[in-house]
Amino acid sequence: MPADIRVYVNDRGLSLPAGASVRDAIRAALPELLPDCEAGRAALSDARGLPLELDDPLASGAILRAARSSRRGGAAADAGG
């Protein structure tokens, strides 16, 4: 088993230890986004657009997409207009 794996988070390549999780990749590439991921306010998906969980294991070459939710709250959204 290799000591490190290469993964990509939002087109940024990084090396992580073999056995790393999605959480490890987000922590390394986008630490400011991790609290939103943990609270469900950010979407995580693979290169095919399939959803990922923070505890999912990564394989070398994995491509992750992470983004804050685009849902908007507030009175204007609630009023429907």
Protein backbone atom coordinates (compact mmCIF):
# COMPACT_ATOMS: atom_id res chain seq x y z
CA MET A 1 0.00 0.00 0.00
CA PRO A 2 1.46 3.41 -0.92
CA ALA A 3 2.31 5.83 1.87
CA ASP A 4 0.42 8.70 0.21
CA ILE A 5 -2.48 9.09 -2.19
CA ARG A 6 -3.10 11.98 -4.57
CA VAL A 7 -6.59 13.52 -4.48
CA TYR A 8 -8.18 16.66 -5.85
CA VAL A 9 -10.53 19.03 -4.04
CA ASN A 10 -12.15 21.68 -6.24
CA ASP A 11 -9.31 21.21 -8.78
CA ARG A 12 -6.60 21.57 -6.13
CA GLY A 13 -4.29 18.58 -5.93
CA LEU A 14 -2.95 17.38 -2.62
CA SER A 15 -1.23 14.36 -1.12
CA LEU A 16 -2.80 12.60 1.86
CA PRO A 17 -1.87 9.48 3.79
CA ALA A 18 -3.35 6.24 2.49
CA GLY A 19 -6.63 5.58 4.30
CA ALA A 20 -7.58 9.28 4.41
CA SER A 21 -11.25 10.26 4.44
CA VAL A 22 -13.24 12.99 2.73
CA ARG A 23 -13.04 14.91 6.04
CA ASP A 24 -9.22 14.73 5.91
CA ALA A 25 -9.21 16.11 2.37
CA ILE A 26 -11.55 19.00 3.21
CA ARG A 27 -9.53 19.77 6.35
CA ALA A 28 -6.34 19.93 4.27
CA ALA A 29 -7.68 21.83 1.25
CA LEU A 30 -10.57 23.96 2.56
CA PRO A 31 -10.42 24.11 6.36
CA GLU A 32 -12.77 27.10 6.47
CA LEU A 33 -15.46 24.99 4.77
CA LEU A 34 -15.26 22.03 7.16
CA PRO A 35 -17.71 23.44 9.76
CA ASP A 36 -20.30 24.00 7.01
CA CYS A 37 -19.75 20.44 5.76
CA GLU A 38 -20.22 19.06 9.26
CA ALA A 39 -23.42 21.09 9.74
CA GLY A 40 -24.86 20.09 6.36
CA ARG A 41 -24.58 23.60 4.93
CA ALA A 42 -22.14 22.51 2.23
CA ALA A 43 -22.50 19.92 -0.49
CA LEU A 44 -19.84 17.28 -1.09
CA SER A 45 -19.77 15.19 -4.25
CA ASP A 46 -17.42 13.12 -6.35
CA ALA A 47 -16.43 13.78 -9.96
CA ARG A 48 -19.69 12.16 -11.14
CA GLY A 49 -21.81 14.38 -8.92
CA LEU A 50 -22.67 11.60 -6.46
CA PRO A 51 -22.94 12.77 -2.85
CA LEU A 52 -20.15 11.97 -0.40
CA GLU A 53 -20.11 11.68 3.37
CA LEU A 54 -17.28 13.12 5.45
CA ASP A 55 -16.30 9.68 6.73
CA ASP A 56 -16.09 8.09 3.26
CA PRO A 57 -12.62 6.70 2.51
CA LEU A 58 -10.67 8.09 -0.43
CA ALA A 59 -8.78 6.29 -3.16
CA SER A 60 -5.84 7.70 -5.06
CA GLY A 61 -7.04 9.95 -7.87
CA ALA A 62 -10.33 10.85 -6.16
CA ILE A 63 -11.89 14.11 -7.33
CA LEU A 64 -14.05 15.94 -4.79
CA ARG A 65 -16.31 18.94 -5.22
CA ALA A 66 -17.22 21.00 -2.18
CA ALA A 67 -19.42 24.09 -2.09
CA ARG A 68 -21.63 25.91 0.37
CA SER A 69 -25.32 25.44 -0.16
CA SER A 70 -26.89 27.94 -2.52
CA ARG A 71 -30.20 27.92 -0.65
CA ARG A 72 -31.12 31.36 0.58
CA GLY A 73 -33.20 32.10 3.64
CA GLY A 74 -34.86 35.23 4.88
CA ALA A 75 -38.12 37.06 4.47
CA ALA A 76 -37.90 37.52 0.69
CA ALA A 77 -37.48 33.78 0.14
CA ASP A 78 -40.28 33.00 2.57
CA ALA A 79 -42.64 35.45 0.87
CA GLY A 80 -42.16 33.71 -2.44
CA GLY A 81 -41.00 36.76 -4.25
